[in-house]
Structures are given as structure tokens and as C-alpha cells.
């Protein structure tokens, strides 16, 4: 407007146009230099805007806690599956699980409370074995997965001899976790033994197939049955009975080891 007024005062169309244009340019520059900063920028300059949140670094303790929680959840889920394999889950089995976490894994009170919650959850709504194994395989490193298998064998034996259904569940879990049959057998032997002496009583080695074990048992049991030597007197019958019982015990132990 000042440029227009000067142009009108001087007179002439050209002067009016030139001074109006010059006034517009100068006025725009003045506004740009004198204008107030944007509200959010002004507040930031005055220190009124909150500073951006900076996430705190994850501590080693927090990572260990998370790993411990994952391990506990998967172990509880898989144990419930193994325990259910031979029927209902007994209260004593659940107690042994808690004691294992406390005494062997050294879980503190808070971690044990988490274990109780998991056991309660899975007892009411048993998890899918496939889902539990897949989650364990995806989330746990190899060393932790080996510990899962080792622990499951230990827990499965707390209520007595390993049943065939439990053995099959353990085989399925081991396969799902990515372990070979040799890996699983090595873990099983730490808890069940190799049974070499039992194989020897049947005239076999540990590498014998299931069919060879059954065939050797049937042949030896028939050959050493006490009734076959009853005509030789009481002493012969007693000796045959002892041998027959050894064969029976050896076969029973091999069946337990193999889950036959």
C-alpha cells in the first residue's frame, strides 16, 4: 500500500505499477523476517514441548527373565502333554514339576508363581502338542531345547516306569524339536541306562532291532521254561526258573527302554 501511495503521489501509470510492485516485494520480505515462529517451534525453543522419549536399553537381567519365562512356559506345556499320555495328570506329578523348578532350576518365588499359573492354565485347557513344540523350536536355542528333552525324561519318570504312550510322546517331541533319533536315544540312556546287560542275557547287542529282540525272547523263553526240565528233578527246575526269570526281566527292561 505504501508503494501504491508513492506511485500515486508521483503520478503516471508506469510509476504506479513500479512502486506498487516494489512495495509488495519489500513488504513480503519484511513479513518473512519479522513473522513469529510457528507455535510448536516457539514452544520447543522455550522448552515447553516434551523432549522425545528415549527408550531405556534392555538390561541383561531383563533378557534372562524373558528367556526364563519362555523356557518355563514351554516346559510346563510339554510336560502336561507327556503326563497326559498315560492318563490323567496326578496332583503328585504337578507337585514334582514345581519342586523341579525350585530345587533343580533354582527358580525364585516370583518365577515359581509364574510356573503355577502356567500349570493351572494348561491343566484346565491342555495346549496343542504341535503348537507347543513349534513354539519351543522357534523360540529356544539348541542348548535350551536339549535341556527341555532331558527334563521331560526326568519328569516323566517321577511316577514310575516310563509307559509306552509316554515314550512315544517323547519321541514325537524330540522329532518336533529337530533332534534325530540318535540324539533322543542318547538323552534317554542318561535316564534309563543302556541296558547292555539285558541285551546280553538275550544274546543280543543294543543295536538289535525290535523284531530281533522279540524273536530272541520267544526262543529263549521257550527253551528255558521250567516245565521242560521238570523230569530232571527239583534242582533242575529251580535252576531253569532262575534263568527263565532273568530272561523275563531282561525283556521287560528292554521293552521299557524302547517303549515297546
Protein backbone atom coordinates (compact mmCIF):
# COMPACT_ATOMS: atom_id res chain seq x y z
CA UNK A 1 0.00 0.00 0.00
CA UNK A 2 2.89 2.35 0.69
CA UNK A 3 4.26 1.61 -2.78
CA UNK A 4 0.86 2.42 -4.33
CA UNK A 5 0.63 5.69 -2.41
CA UNK A 6 4.10 6.76 -3.56
CA UNK A 7 3.21 5.84 -7.15
CA UNK A 8 0.01 7.92 -6.98
CA UNK A 9 1.92 10.84 -5.47
CA UNK A 10 4.48 10.81 -8.30
CA UNK A 11 1.75 10.24 -10.89
CA UNK A 12 1.69 8.32 -14.12
CA UNK A 13 0.65 4.73 -14.77
CA UNK A 14 4.22 3.44 -15.02
CA UNK A 15 5.19 4.93 -11.66
CA UNK A 16 2.09 3.49 -10.01
CA UNK A 17 2.85 -0.02 -11.32
CA UNK A 18 6.57 0.08 -10.48
CA UNK A 19 6.16 1.44 -6.93
CA UNK A 20 3.25 -0.91 -6.21
CA UNK A 21 5.36 -3.92 -7.30
CA UNK A 22 8.39 -2.71 -5.32
CA UNK A 23 6.24 -2.19 -2.23
CA UNK A 24 4.83 -5.70 -2.50
CA UNK A 25 8.30 -7.26 -2.73
CA UNK A 26 9.67 -5.24 0.19
CA UNK A 27 6.56 -5.93 2.29
CA UNK A 28 6.85 -9.69 1.69
CA UNK A 29 10.48 -9.70 2.76
CA UNK A 30 9.65 -7.70 5.89
CA UNK A 31 6.87 -10.11 6.86
CA UNK A 32 9.16 -13.09 6.35
CA UNK A 33 11.85 -11.68 8.63
CA UNK A 34 9.56 -10.32 11.34
CA UNK A 35 6.91 -13.04 11.47
CA UNK A 36 6.59 -15.09 14.71
CA UNK A 37 7.87 -18.68 14.55
CA UNK A 38 5.32 -21.49 14.37
CA UNK A 39 3.65 -22.23 17.67
CA UNK A 40 5.19 -25.65 18.15
CA UNK A 41 8.65 -24.32 17.26
CA UNK A 42 8.28 -21.43 19.65
CA UNK A 43 7.21 -23.75 22.41
CA UNK A 44 10.12 -26.04 21.68
CA UNK A 45 12.54 -23.11 21.83
CA UNK A 46 11.05 -22.07 25.15
CA UNK A 47 11.42 -25.61 26.45
CA UNK A 48 7.70 -26.20 26.78
CA UNK A 49 7.44 -29.17 24.42
CA UNK A 50 8.26 -32.54 25.97
CA UNK A 51 11.52 -33.97 24.76
CA UNK A 52 11.27 -37.13 22.62
CA UNK A 53 11.05 -40.28 24.71
CA UNK A 54 14.29 -42.22 24.76
CA UNK A 55 13.80 -45.94 25.32
CA UNK A 56 15.97 -47.34 28.05
CA UNK A 57 18.46 -50.02 26.98
CA UNK A 58 17.32 -53.58 27.70
CA UNK A 59 19.32 -54.99 30.59
CA UNK A 60 20.88 -58.42 30.73
CA UNK A 61 18.64 -59.25 33.68
CA UNK A 62 15.53 -58.43 31.65
CA UNK A 63 16.67 -60.64 28.78
CA UNK A 64 17.42 -63.51 31.17
CA UNK A 65 14.00 -63.07 32.76
CA UNK A 66 12.31 -63.24 29.38
CA UNK A 67 14.26 -66.34 28.37
CA UNK A 68 13.45 -67.99 31.71
CA UNK A 69 9.76 -67.23 31.25
CA UNK A 70 9.71 -68.74 27.74
CA UNK A 71 11.51 -71.85 28.96
CA UNK A 72 9.09 -72.29 31.86
CA UNK A 73 6.02 -71.90 29.66
CA UNK A 74 7.19 -74.38 27.05
CA UNK A 75 8.42 -76.88 29.62
CA UNK A 76 5.11 -76.77 31.50
CA UNK A 77 3.11 -77.17 28.29
CA UNK A 78 5.15 -80.12 27.06
CA UNK A 79 5.24 -81.80 30.46
CA UNK A 80 1.46 -81.65 30.73
CA UNK A 81 1.29 -83.34 27.34
CA UNK A 82 3.69 -86.11 28.41
CA UNK A 83 1.91 -86.56 31.75
CA UNK A 84 -1.47 -86.85 29.98
CA UNK A 85 -0.09 -89.54 27.67
CA UNK A 86 -0.64 -92.28 30.27
CA UNK A 87 -3.93 -90.96 31.62
CA UNK A 88 -4.96 -88.12 33.91
CA UNK A 89 -2.35 -85.80 35.35
CA UNK A 90 -1.89 -86.67 39.03
CA UNK A 91 -1.58 -83.99 41.68
CA UNK A 92 1.72 -85.52 42.76
CA UNK A 93 3.12 -85.08 39.25
CA UNK A 94 2.30 -81.37 39.29
CA UNK A 95 3.94 -81.04 42.70
CA UNK A 96 7.10 -82.70 41.40
CA UNK A 97 7.19 -80.25 38.50
CA UNK A 98 7.08 -77.30 40.87
CA UNK A 99 9.76 -78.86 43.05
CA UNK A 100 11.94 -79.42 39.99
CA UNK A 101 11.72 -75.75 39.05
CA UNK A 102 12.51 -74.78 42.62
CA UNK A 103 15.26 -77.25 43.51
CA UNK A 104 16.92 -78.01 40.19
CA UNK A 105 16.39 -74.85 38.16
CA UNK A 106 16.60 -72.59 41.24
CA UNK A 107 13.52 -70.54 40.40
CA UNK A 108 12.69 -67.86 42.95
CA UNK A 109 9.23 -67.15 44.47
CA UNK A 110 8.07 -64.87 41.62
CA UNK A 111 9.19 -67.28 38.91
CA UNK A 112 7.53 -70.18 40.77
CA UNK A 113 4.28 -68.23 40.83
CA UNK A 114 4.54 -67.97 37.06
CA UNK A 115 5.10 -71.73 36.83
CA UNK A 116 1.97 -72.35 38.95
CA UNK A 117 -0.07 -70.12 36.65
CA UNK A 118 1.14 -71.98 33.58
CA UNK A 119 0.41 -75.37 35.11
CA UNK A 120 -3.06 -74.25 36.17
CA UNK A 121 -3.73 -72.85 32.70
CA UNK A 122 -2.60 -75.98 30.88
CA UNK A 123 -4.40 -78.35 33.26
CA UNK A 124 -7.68 -76.56 32.56
CA UNK A 125 -7.03 -76.18 28.83
CA UNK A 126 -4.27 -78.51 27.59
CA UNK A 127 -2.24 -76.91 24.82
CA UNK A 128 -1.78 -78.38 21.37
CA UNK A 129 1.35 -80.53 21.34
CA UNK A 130 2.21 -79.42 17.81
CA UNK A 131 1.86 -75.74 18.71
CA UNK A 132 3.88 -76.12 21.91
CA UNK A 133 6.67 -77.98 20.13
CA UNK A 134 6.71 -75.47 17.26
CA UNK A 135 6.90 -72.51 19.65
CA UNK A 136 9.67 -74.22 21.61
CA UNK A 137 11.61 -74.97 18.43
CA UNK A 138 11.25 -71.40 17.11
CA UNK A 139 11.96 -69.52 20.34
CA UNK A 140 14.57 -71.62 22.12
CA UNK A 141 18.19 -72.19 21.05
CA UNK A 142 19.56 -75.72 20.65
CA UNK A 143 21.02 -75.94 24.16
CA UNK A 144 17.70 -74.97 25.74
CA UNK A 145 15.80 -77.46 23.59
CA UNK A 146 18.15 -80.25 24.68
CA UNK A 147 17.51 -79.28 28.28
CA UNK A 148 13.76 -79.49 27.61
CA UNK A 149 14.08 -83.10 26.39
CA UNK A 150 16.38 -84.03 29.27
CA UNK A 151 13.99 -82.51 31.81
CA UNK A 152 10.93 -84.14 30.26
CA UNK A 153 12.54 -87.58 30.65
CA UNK A 154 13.32 -86.84 34.27
CA UNK A 155 9.80 -85.63 35.00
CA UNK A 156 8.15 -88.48 33.10
CA UNK A 157 9.85 -90.99 35.40
CA UNK A 158 8.66 -89.45 38.67
CA UNK A 159 5.51 -91.60 38.76
CA UNK A 160 7.26 -94.84 37.96
CA UNK A 161 8.40 -96.68 34.87
CA UNK A 162 8.13 -94.96 31.53
CA UNK A 163 4.99 -96.09 29.75
CA UNK A 164 4.85 -96.78 26.04
CA UNK A 165 2.50 -93.84 25.47
CA UNK A 166 4.91 -91.52 27.30
CA UNK A 167 7.84 -92.86 25.30
CA UNK A 168 6.00 -92.17 22.06
CA UNK A 169 5.12 -88.64 23.19
CA UNK A 170 8.79 -88.01 23.99
CA UNK A 171 9.81 -89.33 20.58
CA UNK A 172 7.32 -87.01 18.90
CA UNK A 173 8.53 -84.03 20.89
CA UNK A 174 12.17 -84.77 20.12
CA UNK A 175 11.42 -85.02 16.40
CA UNK A 176 9.43 -81.80 16.51
CA UNK A 177 12.32 -80.02 18.21
CA UNK A 178 14.62 -81.01 15.36
CA UNK A 179 16.58 -83.81 17.05
CA UNK A 180 17.48 -87.10 15.46
CA UNK A 181 16.59 -90.49 16.93
CA UNK A 182 20.25 -90.87 17.96
CA UNK A 183 20.09 -87.58 19.88
CA UNK A 184 16.92 -88.66 21.66
CA UNK A 185 18.32 -92.10 22.48
CA UNK A 186 21.43 -90.51 23.96
CA UNK A 187 19.26 -88.42 26.29
CA UNK A 188 17.10 -91.42 27.17
CA UNK A 189 20.11 -93.54 28.05
CA UNK A 190 21.22 -90.99 30.64
CA UNK A 191 17.96 -91.62 32.50
CA UNK A 192 17.14 -95.21 31.59
CA UNK A 193 20.59 -96.71 31.11
CA UNK A 194 21.87 -98.52 28.05
CA UNK A 195 20.54 -101.92 29.05
CA UNK A 196 23.68 -103.67 27.73
CA UNK A 197 23.47 -106.38 30.39
CA UNK A 198 19.85 -107.07 29.49
CA UNK A 199 20.69 -107.39 25.81
CA UNK A 200 23.50 -109.79 26.73
CA UNK A 201 21.05 -112.02 28.61
CA UNK A 202 19.10 -112.35 25.37
CA UNK A 203 22.26 -112.96 23.36
CA UNK A 204 21.93 -109.61 21.56
CA UNK A 205 23.59 -106.22 21.34
CA UNK A 206 21.96 -102.78 21.81
CA UNK A 207 21.85 -102.34 18.02
CA UNK A 208 19.37 -105.22 17.63
CA UNK A 209 16.06 -104.32 16.03
CA UNK A 210 12.73 -104.59 17.86
CA UNK A 211 11.85 -107.67 15.82
CA UNK A 212 15.15 -109.36 16.75
CA UNK A 213 14.57 -108.64 20.43
CA UNK A 214 11.09 -110.18 20.35
CA UNK A 215 12.27 -113.22 18.42
CA UNK A 216 15.20 -113.85 20.79
CA UNK A 217 12.93 -113.54 23.81
CA UNK A 218 10.39 -116.04 22.46
CA UNK A 219 13.08 -118.59 21.61
CA UNK A 220 14.89 -118.30 24.94
CA UNK A 221 11.69 -118.31 26.98
CA UNK A 222 10.56 -121.48 25.25
CA UNK A 223 13.95 -123.15 25.62
CA UNK A 224 14.36 -122.34 29.34
CA UNK A 225 10.82 -122.80 30.56
CA UNK A 226 10.92 -124.78 33.84
CA UNK A 227 8.34 -127.24 32.59
CA UNK A 228 10.82 -128.54 30.02
CA UNK A 229 13.14 -129.91 32.74
CA UNK A 230 10.60 -130.99 35.30
CA UNK A 231 11.60 -134.62 34.71
CA UNK A 232 15.16 -133.82 35.87
CA UNK A 233 14.17 -133.09 39.42
CA UNK A 234 13.66 -130.15 41.74
CA UNK A 235 17.18 -128.74 41.40
CA UNK A 236 16.95 -128.56 37.63
CA UNK A 237 13.55 -126.89 37.84
CA UNK A 238 14.86 -124.24 40.27
CA UNK A 239 17.85 -123.52 38.04
CA UNK A 240 15.64 -123.24 34.95
CA UNK A 241 13.24 -121.00 36.87
CA UNK A 242 16.04 -118.57 37.77
CA UNK A 243 17.22 -118.47 34.16
CA UNK A 244 13.66 -118.04 32.90
CA UNK A 245 13.10 -115.15 35.30
CA UNK A 246 16.31 -113.48 34.12
CA UNK A 247 15.08 -113.68 30.54
CA UNK A 248 11.71 -112.25 31.56
CA UNK A 249 13.33 -109.39 33.49
CA UNK A 250 15.75 -108.60 30.65
CA UNK A 251 12.97 -108.47 28.09
CA UNK A 252 10.80 -106.32 30.36
CA UNK A 253 13.65 -103.85 30.86
CA UNK A 254 14.41 -103.64 27.14
CA UNK A 255 10.73 -103.04 26.47
CA UNK A 256 10.79 -100.23 29.00
CA UNK A 257 13.91 -98.72 27.45
CA UNK A 258 12.45 -98.88 23.95
CA UNK A 259 8.87 -98.16 24.83
CA UNK A 260 7.67 -101.40 23.25
